[in-house]
Structure formats: C-alpha cells, structure tokens
C-alpha atoms as a PDB file:
ATOM      1  CA  GLN A   1      74.665 -72.612  84.906  1.00  0.00           C
ATOM      2  CA  VAL A   2      76.329 -71.366  88.077  1.00  0.00           C
ATOM      3  CA  GLN A   3      78.532 -68.371  87.298  1.00  0.00           C
ATOM      4  CA  LEU A   4      79.641 -67.396  90.808  1.00  0.00           C
ATOM      5  CA  VAL A   5      80.582 -69.824  93.576  1.00  0.00           C
ATOM      6  CA  GLU A   6      80.804 -68.490  97.115  1.00  0.00           C
ATOM      7  CA  SER A   7      82.382 -70.104 100.147  1.00  0.00           C
ATOM      8  CA  GLY A   8      83.604 -69.297 103.645  1.00  0.00           C
ATOM      9  CA  GLY A   9      80.464 -68.496 105.587  1.00  0.00           C
ATOM     10  CA  GLY A  10      79.611 -70.032 108.911  1.00  0.00           C
ATOM     11  CA  LEU A  11      79.052 -69.513 112.610  1.00  0.00           C
ATOM     12  CA  VAL A  12      81.553 -67.440 114.560  1.00  0.00           C
ATOM     13  CA  GLN A  13      81.647 -65.855 117.991  1.00  0.00           C
ATOM     14  CA  PRO A  14      81.640 -62.065 118.426  1.00  0.00           C
ATOM     15  CA  GLY A  15      85.138 -60.737 117.885  1.00  0.00           C
ATOM     16  CA  GLY A  16      86.024 -63.590 115.570  1.00  0.00           C
ATOM     17  CA  SER A  17      87.018 -63.636 111.914  1.00  0.00           C
ATOM     18  CA  LEU A  18      85.849 -65.192 108.677  1.00  0.00           C
ATOM     19  CA  ARG A  19      87.073 -65.019 105.098  1.00  0.00           C
ATOM     20  CA  LEU A  20      84.603 -65.193 102.236  1.00  0.00           C
ATOM     21  CA  SER A  21      85.603 -66.187  98.719  1.00  0.00           C
ATOM     22  CA  CYS A  22      83.733 -65.846  95.442  1.00  0.00           C
ATOM     23  CA  ALA A  23      85.062 -67.447  92.275  1.00  0.00           C
ATOM     24  CA  ALA A  24      83.608 -66.336  88.968  1.00  0.00           C
ATOM     25  CA  SER A  25      83.356 -68.773  86.092  1.00  0.00           C
ATOM     26  CA  GLU A  26      86.208 -68.675  83.582  1.00  0.00           C
ATOM     27  CA  THR A  27      83.579 -67.900  80.940  1.00  0.00           C
ATOM     28  CA  ILE A  28      83.172 -64.427  82.456  1.00  0.00           C
ATOM     29  CA  PHE A  29      85.872 -62.099  81.193  1.00  0.00           C
ATOM     30  CA  SER A  30      86.956 -58.460  81.376  1.00  0.00           C
ATOM     31  CA  ILE A  31      85.534 -58.288  84.884  1.00  0.00           C
ATOM     32  CA  ASN A  32      85.169 -54.747  86.178  1.00  0.00           C
ATOM     33  CA  THR A  33      83.701 -54.248  89.629  1.00  0.00           C
ATOM     34  CA  MET A  34      83.501 -57.098  92.123  1.00  0.00           C
ATOM     35  CA  GLY A  35      81.772 -56.744  95.424  1.00  0.00           C
ATOM     36  CA  TRP A  36      79.899 -58.048  98.408  1.00  0.00           C
ATOM     37  CA  TYR A  37      76.404 -57.253  99.612  1.00  0.00           C
ATOM     38  CA  ARG A  38      74.492 -58.591 102.578  1.00  0.00           C
ATOM     39  CA  GLN A  39      70.900 -59.054 103.622  1.00  0.00           C
ATOM     40  CA  ALA A  40      69.783 -59.556 107.197  1.00  0.00           C
ATOM     41  CA  PRO A  41      66.342 -60.996 108.039  1.00  0.00           C
ATOM     42  CA  GLY A  42      63.638 -58.414 107.502  1.00  0.00           C
ATOM     43  CA  LYS A  43      66.031 -55.915 105.958  1.00  0.00           C
ATOM     44  CA  GLU A  44      66.929 -54.837 102.447  1.00  0.00           C
ATOM     45  CA  ARG A  45      70.095 -55.968 100.739  1.00  0.00           C
ATOM     46  CA  GLU A  46      72.916 -53.498 101.352  1.00  0.00           C
ATOM     47  CA  LEU A  47      76.366 -52.842  99.994  1.00  0.00           C
ATOM     48  CA  VAL A  48      79.256 -54.102 102.114  1.00  0.00           C
ATOM     49  CA  SER A  49      82.258 -53.439  99.903  1.00  0.00           C
ATOM     50  CA  VAL A  50      83.324 -53.196  96.256  1.00  0.00           C
ATOM     51  CA  ILE A  51      86.632 -53.260  94.426  1.00  0.00           C
ATOM     52  CA  THR A  52      87.283 -52.086  90.864  1.00  0.00           C
ATOM     53  CA  SER A  53      89.544 -53.693  88.310  1.00  0.00           C
ATOM     54  CA  GLY A  54      92.129 -51.068  89.187  1.00  0.00           C
ATOM     55  CA  GLY A  55      92.031 -51.935  92.861  1.00  0.00           C
ATOM     56  CA  SER A  56      90.014 -49.001  94.188  1.00  0.00           C
ATOM     57  CA  THR A  57      87.849 -49.978  97.120  1.00  0.00           C
ATOM     58  CA  ASN A  58      84.754 -48.720  98.884  1.00  0.00           C
ATOM     59  CA  TYR A  59      83.270 -49.836 102.186  1.00  0.00           C
ATOM     60  CA  ALA A  60      80.043 -49.351 104.079  1.00  0.00           C
ATOM     61  CA  GLU A  61      80.562 -47.214 107.161  1.00  0.00           C
ATOM     62  CA  ALA A  62      79.492 -50.084 109.403  1.00  0.00           C
ATOM     63  CA  VAL A  63      82.409 -52.285 108.303  1.00  0.00           C
ATOM     64  CA  LYS A  64      85.223 -49.782 107.755  1.00  0.00           C
ATOM     65  CA  GLY A  65      88.343 -50.755 109.634  1.00  0.00           C
ATOM     66  CA  ARG A  66      87.091 -54.306 110.204  1.00  0.00           C
ATOM     67  CA  PHE A  67      86.553 -55.759 106.711  1.00  0.00           C
ATOM     68  CA  THR A  68      89.020 -55.892 103.838  1.00  0.00           C
ATOM     69  CA  ILE A  69      88.137 -56.666 100.228  1.00  0.00           C
ATOM     70  CA  SER A  70      90.679 -57.990  97.745  1.00  0.00           C
ATOM     71  CA  ARG A  71      90.731 -59.747  94.405  1.00  0.00           C
ATOM     72  CA  ASP A  72      92.875 -62.112  92.378  1.00  0.00           C
ATOM     73  CA  ASN A  73      92.291 -61.278  88.733  1.00  0.00           C
ATOM     74  CA  ALA A  74      94.144 -64.365  87.515  1.00  0.00           C
ATOM     75  CA  LYS A  75      91.637 -66.531  89.391  1.00  0.00           C
ATOM     76  CA  ASN A  76      88.545 -64.373  88.786  1.00  0.00           C
ATOM     77  CA  THR A  77      88.107 -64.389  92.551  1.00  0.00           C
ATOM     78  CA  VAL A  78      87.135 -61.783  95.114  1.00  0.00           C
ATOM     79  CA  TYR A  79      87.675 -62.135  98.853  1.00  0.00           C
ATOM     80  CA  LEU A  80      86.235 -60.492 101.938  1.00  0.00           C
ATOM     81  CA  GLN A  81      88.283 -60.730 105.123  1.00  0.00           C
ATOM     82  CA  MET A  82      85.999 -59.997 108.052  1.00  0.00           C
ATOM     83  CA  ASN A  83      87.564 -59.287 111.428  1.00  0.00           C
ATOM     84  CA  THR A  84      86.151 -58.229 114.784  1.00  0.00           C
ATOM     85  CA  LEU A  85      82.764 -59.566 113.781  1.00  0.00           C
ATOM     86  CA  LYS A  86      79.677 -58.315 115.582  1.00  0.00           C
ATOM     87  CA  PRO A  87      76.217 -59.861 115.976  1.00  0.00           C
ATOM     88  CA  GLU A  88      74.864 -57.151 113.675  1.00  0.00           C
ATOM     89  CA  ASP A  89      77.054 -58.544 110.886  1.00  0.00           C
ATOM     90  CA  THR A  90      74.809 -61.602 110.804  1.00  0.00           C
ATOM     91  CA  ALA A  91      73.322 -61.866 107.319  1.00  0.00           C
ATOM     92  CA  VAL A  92      73.410 -63.718 104.044  1.00  0.00           C
ATOM     93  CA  TYR A  93      76.373 -62.381 102.091  1.00  0.00           C
ATOM     94  CA  TYR A  94      76.128 -62.171  98.312  1.00  0.00           C
ATOM     95  CA  CYS A  95      78.899 -61.786  95.777  1.00  0.00           C
ATOM     96  CA  ASN A  96      78.308 -59.451  92.828  1.00  0.00           C
ATOM     97  CA  VAL A  97      80.346 -59.149  89.639  1.00  0.00           C
ATOM     98  CA  ASP A  98      80.177 -57.043  86.469  1.00  0.00           C
ATOM     99  CA  GLY A  99      81.679 -58.603  83.378  1.00  0.00           C
ATOM    100  CA  TRP A 100      81.271 -60.006  79.905  1.00  0.00           C
ATOM    101  CA  LEU A 101      79.691 -63.371  79.156  1.00  0.00           C
ATOM    102  CA  GLY A 102      79.773 -64.037  75.451  1.00  0.00           C
ATOM    103  CA  LEU A 103      78.602 -60.884  73.710  1.00  0.00           C
ATOM    104  CA  ARG A 104      76.750 -59.405  76.677  1.00  0.00           C
ATOM    105  CA  TYR A 105      77.964 -57.238  79.521  1.00  0.00           C
ATOM    106  CA  GLN A 106      76.091 -58.470  82.585  1.00  0.00           C
ATOM    107  CA  ASN A 107      75.737 -58.207  86.323  1.00  0.00           C
ATOM    108  CA  PHE A 108      76.015 -61.521  88.164  1.00  0.00           C
ATOM    109  CA  TRP A 109      74.947 -62.547  91.677  1.00  0.00           C
ATOM    110  CA  GLY A 110      76.174 -65.442  93.775  1.00  0.00           C
ATOM    111  CA  GLN A 111      73.845 -67.796  95.591  1.00  0.00           C
ATOM    112  CA  GLY A 112      74.652 -66.308  98.989  1.00  0.00           C
ATOM    113  CA  THR A 113      76.501 -67.634 102.010  1.00  0.00           C
ATOM    114  CA  GLN A 114      75.229 -67.379 105.581  1.00  0.00           C
ATOM    115  CA  VAL A 115      77.322 -65.593 108.185  1.00  0.00           C
ATOM    116  CA  THR A 116      76.114 -65.897 111.774  1.00  0.00           C
ATOM    117  CA  VAL A 117      77.837 -64.066 114.611  1.00  0.00           C
ATOM    118  CA  SER A 118      76.658 -65.382 117.953  1.00  0.00           C
ATOM    119  CA  SER A 119      77.959 -66.603 121.270  1.00  0.00           C
END
C-alpha cells in the first residue's frame, strides 16, 4: 500500500525552478516531521530540508536561499520549491514523513522523483 505519493520532478535547465509535492495517505495521522532527502548517482542519500509540525524548518547548506519547504497539514502534504537550480542538484528526491499508522508510530519514505538539471 502506497503511503506517500510524490510528484513534480523533471528536467529543467540551470537557473530554472521546480516544485515537488508529497501527499501522505489519509490513514497516516498526527504527522510530526516532514522532509525531503536526495540521492545522486554514486552518492549517499542526504538531507535536503525538513519541517516540523510547528513550522520550524532546516535546510542543507547547499540549498539555503534557493529551496523553500512548506506543508499543508489539512492535506497531509509537504512541498519543496526549488529555485535557481544547479546541475549539482540533480538527484532522486525522496519524501520522508514521521507519523502514526494505526497503533504504530512509523517513518515513511516516498518512491522518489527524479530531478535533472541540465542544459
């Protein structure tokens, strides 16, 4: 059963913008932290940005000032607005959510969405 559905990836030229979305299933409730990670070919998965239920945010140094994370709690959805994209931003981007499913508090991962920055 798919719990997180990501969308918004694609091919963009350097300097362009993309907006990623990740919708968590309605069966997941009391969601705490929502975030985005990325993994480039041959590299380990790394944190991009997270946002808490209270709206506090954290960003990787490499994306500060260019990316903005936000969430819509009513829709169980987290967004990542990516501006001034660089070739080094090319990676598979994964959504990550902490929340309750039934009687268990769990960590959920999305299936990943490819972002390619190239001219």
